[in-house]
Structure formats: structure tokens, C-alpha cells
Amino acid sequence: MQSETNAIAGRIGENIRGRRERLLYQLDELARRAELQEHTLWRIERGTIMPSVLNLVHLADVLECRPGDLLNGVSATMDGDAG
């Protein structure tokens, strides 16, 4: 269960970081616009914490996508080797 959670958090973080980089946002700018602490966003992008639904909604708004887009590639059957 823990490795599944880590894999999911990692995939979400990759998706957020990828969109941020494509839109040419710096980490601090995205954090400010999404009303998050910079360190919190840093941890989300690295998959060390799972973002809340509210944080996903804020991030999606700023990243000009749907919250579901940030879940791309996430599966209930993910394990620690997924990636």
C-alpha cells in the first residue's frame, strides 16, 4: 500500500512539474499563484507528499488544465516500480 501511494504521488508530481516547465513557470511563481507554500509544492513535485484535492484544483487552474490531467498515468494498480 505504501509503495502504491509513493508511486501515485510520484506520478502526480511528475505531471505537475512537466506542465509547470512547459508553461515556463518557476517553482516559486506557481506556488504563489496556486496559493501554496513553495516548499509544499517542491515536495509535491518530488512525490514526497500527496497533494490534497483542493491543491490539485488550485494547481490545475493555474496550469490551465483539468484536475484530472494532473492524474494522467495514475492507476490503482501502480506499484513502487511504476514510472
N, C-alpha and C. Protein backbone atom coordinates (compact mmCIF):
# COMPACT_ATOMS: atom_id res chain seq x y z
N MET A 1 0.82 -1.20 0.00
CA MET A 1 0.00 0.00 0.00
C MET A 1 0.86 1.26 0.00
N GLN A 2 1.92 1.28 0.83
CA GLN A 2 2.77 2.47 0.90
C GLN A 2 3.50 2.69 -0.42
N SER A 3 4.00 1.60 -1.05
CA SER A 3 4.70 1.78 -2.31
C SER A 3 3.74 2.25 -3.40
N GLU A 4 2.49 1.81 -3.33
CA GLU A 4 1.48 2.27 -4.28
C GLU A 4 1.23 3.77 -4.10
N THR A 5 1.11 4.21 -2.86
CA THR A 5 0.91 5.63 -2.57
C THR A 5 2.10 6.44 -3.05
N ASN A 6 3.31 5.96 -2.81
CA ASN A 6 4.51 6.65 -3.26
C ASN A 6 4.55 6.76 -4.77
N ALA A 7 4.18 5.69 -5.46
CA ALA A 7 4.18 5.69 -6.93
C ALA A 7 3.16 6.68 -7.47
N ILE A 8 1.99 6.73 -6.85
CA ILE A 8 0.95 7.66 -7.29
C ILE A 8 1.39 9.10 -7.04
N ALA A 9 1.90 9.37 -5.86
CA ALA A 9 2.37 10.72 -5.54
C ALA A 9 3.48 11.13 -6.50
N GLY A 10 4.36 10.20 -6.82
CA GLY A 10 5.44 10.49 -7.76
C GLY A 10 4.94 10.82 -9.14
N ARG A 11 3.95 10.07 -9.62
CA ARG A 11 3.40 10.33 -10.96
C ARG A 11 2.70 11.68 -10.99
N ILE A 12 1.91 11.99 -9.96
CA ILE A 12 1.24 13.30 -9.91
C ILE A 12 2.27 14.41 -9.91
N GLY A 13 3.31 14.26 -9.12
CA GLY A 13 4.37 15.26 -9.06
C GLY A 13 5.04 15.46 -10.41
N GLU A 14 5.30 14.37 -11.12
CA GLU A 14 5.89 14.46 -12.46
C GLU A 14 4.98 15.23 -13.40
N ASN A 15 3.69 14.95 -13.32
CA ASN A 15 2.73 15.64 -14.19
C ASN A 15 2.69 17.14 -13.90
N ILE A 16 2.70 17.49 -12.63
CA ILE A 16 2.67 18.91 -12.25
C ILE A 16 3.95 19.60 -12.71
N ARG A 17 5.09 19.00 -12.43
CA ARG A 17 6.37 19.59 -12.82
C ARG A 17 6.47 19.73 -14.34
N GLY A 18 6.02 18.72 -15.06
CA GLY A 18 6.06 18.78 -16.52
C GLY A 18 5.24 19.92 -17.08
N ARG A 19 4.02 20.09 -16.57
CA ARG A 19 3.17 21.20 -17.03
C ARG A 19 3.78 22.54 -16.64
N ARG A 20 4.31 22.62 -15.43
CA ARG A 20 4.93 23.87 -14.98
C ARG A 20 6.08 24.25 -15.90
N GLU A 21 6.91 23.29 -16.22
CA GLU A 21 8.06 23.57 -17.08
C GLU A 21 7.63 23.94 -18.50
N ARG A 22 6.60 23.28 -19.03
CA ARG A 22 6.10 23.62 -20.36
C ARG A 22 5.55 25.03 -20.41
N LEU A 23 4.95 25.48 -19.31
CA LEU A 23 4.40 26.84 -19.25
C LEU A 23 5.45 27.86 -18.80
N LEU A 24 6.66 27.40 -18.56
CA LEU A 24 7.79 28.27 -18.19
C LEU A 24 7.58 29.01 -16.87
N TYR A 25 6.88 28.34 -15.94
CA TYR A 25 6.74 28.90 -14.60
C TYR A 25 7.90 28.44 -13.74
N GLN A 26 8.42 29.34 -12.94
CA GLN A 26 9.37 28.96 -11.89
C GLN A 26 8.55 28.37 -10.74
N LEU A 27 9.19 27.55 -9.93
CA LEU A 27 8.51 26.91 -8.81
C LEU A 27 7.85 27.94 -7.90
N ASP A 28 8.57 29.00 -7.56
CA ASP A 28 8.01 29.99 -6.63
C ASP A 28 6.81 30.71 -7.23
N GLU A 29 6.82 30.94 -8.53
CA GLU A 29 5.69 31.61 -9.18
C GLU A 29 4.44 30.73 -9.16
N LEU A 30 4.61 29.45 -9.50
CA LEU A 30 3.46 28.55 -9.47
C LEU A 30 2.92 28.42 -8.05
N ALA A 31 3.81 28.30 -7.09
CA ALA A 31 3.38 28.18 -5.69
C ALA A 31 2.55 29.40 -5.29
N ARG A 32 3.04 30.57 -5.62
CA ARG A 32 2.32 31.80 -5.26
C ARG A 32 0.95 31.84 -5.93
N ARG A 33 0.90 31.56 -7.22
CA ARG A 33 -0.37 31.61 -7.96
C ARG A 33 -1.36 30.55 -7.48
N ALA A 34 -0.85 29.40 -7.06
CA ALA A 34 -1.72 28.32 -6.59
C ALA A 34 -1.99 28.40 -5.09
N GLU A 35 -1.48 29.45 -4.45
CA GLU A 35 -1.69 29.68 -3.02
C GLU A 35 -1.13 28.54 -2.17
N LEU A 36 0.09 28.10 -2.53
CA LEU A 36 0.79 27.06 -1.79
C LEU A 36 2.11 27.61 -1.29
N GLN A 37 2.63 27.02 -0.24
CA GLN A 37 3.98 27.33 0.19
C GLN A 37 4.94 26.72 -0.84
N GLU A 38 6.01 27.42 -1.13
CA GLU A 38 6.96 26.91 -2.13
C GLU A 38 7.50 25.54 -1.74
N HIS A 39 7.83 25.36 -0.45
CA HIS A 39 8.35 24.07 -0.01
C HIS A 39 7.31 22.96 -0.18
N THR A 40 6.05 23.28 0.02
CA THR A 40 4.99 22.29 -0.17
C THR A 40 4.93 21.86 -1.64
N LEU A 41 4.96 22.83 -2.55
CA LEU A 41 4.94 22.49 -3.97
C LEU A 41 6.17 21.68 -4.35
N TRP A 42 7.32 22.04 -3.81
CA TRP A 42 8.56 21.31 -4.07
C TRP A 42 8.39 19.84 -3.68
N ARG A 43 7.80 19.61 -2.51
CA ARG A 43 7.59 18.23 -2.03
C ARG A 43 6.56 17.50 -2.87
N ILE A 44 5.51 18.20 -3.32
CA ILE A 44 4.51 17.58 -4.19
C ILE A 44 5.16 17.15 -5.50
N GLU A 45 5.94 18.04 -6.10
CA GLU A 45 6.58 17.72 -7.38
C GLU A 45 7.54 16.55 -7.26
N ARG A 46 8.16 16.37 -6.12
CA ARG A 46 9.09 15.27 -5.94
C ARG A 46 8.41 14.00 -5.44
N GLY A 47 7.11 14.06 -5.21
CA GLY A 47 6.36 12.88 -4.82
C GLY A 47 6.53 12.48 -3.38
N THR A 48 7.03 13.39 -2.55
CA THR A 48 7.22 13.04 -1.14
C THR A 48 5.96 13.27 -0.32
N ILE A 49 5.02 14.07 -0.85
CA ILE A 49 3.72 14.21 -0.22
C ILE A 49 2.64 14.14 -1.31
N MET A 50 1.47 13.70 -0.91
CA MET A 50 0.33 13.60 -1.81
C MET A 50 -0.46 14.92 -1.71
N PRO A 51 -0.71 15.57 -2.85
CA PRO A 51 -1.49 16.81 -2.79
C PRO A 51 -2.94 16.54 -2.45
N SER A 52 -3.55 17.47 -1.76
CA SER A 52 -4.98 17.35 -1.48
C SER A 52 -5.76 17.64 -2.75
N VAL A 53 -7.02 17.28 -2.76
CA VAL A 53 -7.87 17.57 -3.91
C VAL A 53 -7.94 19.08 -4.13
N LEU A 54 -8.07 19.85 -3.06
CA LEU A 54 -8.13 21.30 -3.19
C LEU A 54 -6.85 21.84 -3.83
N ASN A 55 -5.70 21.32 -3.41
CA ASN A 55 -4.44 21.76 -4.01
C ASN A 55 -4.37 21.38 -5.49
N LEU A 56 -4.87 20.19 -5.84
CA LEU A 56 -4.90 19.80 -7.25
C LEU A 56 -5.77 20.75 -8.07
N VAL A 57 -6.89 21.16 -7.51
CA VAL A 57 -7.78 22.09 -8.21
C VAL A 57 -7.10 23.44 -8.41
N HIS A 58 -6.45 23.95 -7.37
CA HIS A 58 -5.72 25.22 -7.49
C HIS A 58 -4.61 25.11 -8.54
N LEU A 59 -3.84 24.03 -8.48
CA LEU A 59 -2.75 23.85 -9.42
C LEU A 59 -3.26 23.73 -10.85
N ALA A 60 -4.33 22.97 -11.04
CA ALA A 60 -4.89 22.81 -12.38
C ALA A 60 -5.36 24.15 -12.94
N ASP A 61 -5.99 24.96 -12.12
CA ASP A 61 -6.43 26.29 -12.58
C ASP A 61 -5.25 27.10 -13.10
N VAL A 62 -4.17 27.13 -12.33
CA VAL A 62 -3.00 27.91 -12.73
C VAL A 62 -2.30 27.29 -13.93
N LEU A 63 -2.27 25.96 -13.98
CA LEU A 63 -1.59 25.26 -15.07
C LEU A 63 -2.47 25.10 -16.32
N GLU A 64 -3.65 25.72 -16.29
CA GLU A 64 -4.54 25.76 -17.45
C GLU A 64 -4.93 24.36 -17.95
N CYS A 65 -5.33 23.53 -16.98
CA CYS A 65 -5.76 22.17 -17.32
C CYS A 65 -6.85 21.75 -16.35
N ARG A 66 -7.38 20.57 -16.56
CA ARG A 66 -8.36 19.99 -15.63
C ARG A 66 -7.61 19.25 -14.53
N PRO A 67 -8.17 19.17 -13.33
CA PRO A 67 -7.50 18.41 -12.28
C PRO A 67 -7.18 16.98 -12.70
N GLY A 68 -8.05 16.39 -13.48
CA GLY A 68 -7.80 15.02 -13.96
C GLY A 68 -6.56 14.89 -14.82
N ASP A 69 -6.20 15.97 -15.51
CA ASP A 69 -4.99 15.94 -16.33
C ASP A 69 -3.75 15.73 -15.47
N LEU A 70 -3.80 16.20 -14.25
CA LEU A 70 -2.66 16.03 -13.34
C LEU A 70 -2.58 14.61 -12.79
N LEU A 71 -3.63 13.82 -13.04
CA LEU A 71 -3.65 12.41 -12.61
C LEU A 71 -3.32 11.47 -13.77
N ASN A 72 -2.92 12.03 -14.90
CA ASN A 72 -2.61 11.21 -16.07
C ASN A 72 -1.56 10.15 -15.73
N GLY A 73 -1.86 8.90 -16.05
CA GLY A 73 -0.95 7.80 -15.79
C GLY A 73 -1.08 7.19 -14.41
N VAL A 74 -1.97 7.72 -13.60
CA VAL A 74 -2.18 7.18 -12.25
C VAL A 74 -3.16 6.01 -12.34
N SER A 75 -2.83 4.94 -11.66
CA SER A 75 -3.65 3.73 -11.66
C SER A 75 -3.70 3.15 -10.26
N ALA A 76 -4.80 2.55 -9.92
CA ALA A 76 -4.94 1.91 -8.60
C ALA A 76 -4.03 0.70 -8.47
N THR A 77 -3.51 0.22 -9.58
CA THR A 77 -2.63 -0.96 -9.55
C THR A 77 -1.16 -0.60 -9.62
N MET A 78 -0.85 0.68 -9.45
CA MET A 78 0.56 1.09 -9.50
C MET A 78 1.33 0.47 -8.35
N ASP A 79 2.59 0.17 -8.61
CA ASP A 79 3.45 -0.30 -7.52
C ASP A 79 4.70 0.54 -7.50
N GLY A 80 5.60 0.24 -6.63
CA GLY A 80 6.81 1.03 -6.47
C GLY A 80 7.71 1.04 -7.70
N ASP A 81 7.51 0.10 -8.64
CA ASP A 81 8.34 0.05 -9.84
C ASP A 81 7.72 0.81 -10.99
N ALA A 82 6.52 1.38 -10.81
CA ALA A 82 5.86 2.10 -11.90
C ALA A 82 6.61 3.39 -12.17
N GLY A 83 6.51 3.86 -13.41
CA GLY A 83 7.17 5.11 -13.67
C GLY A 83 7.24 5.43 -15.05
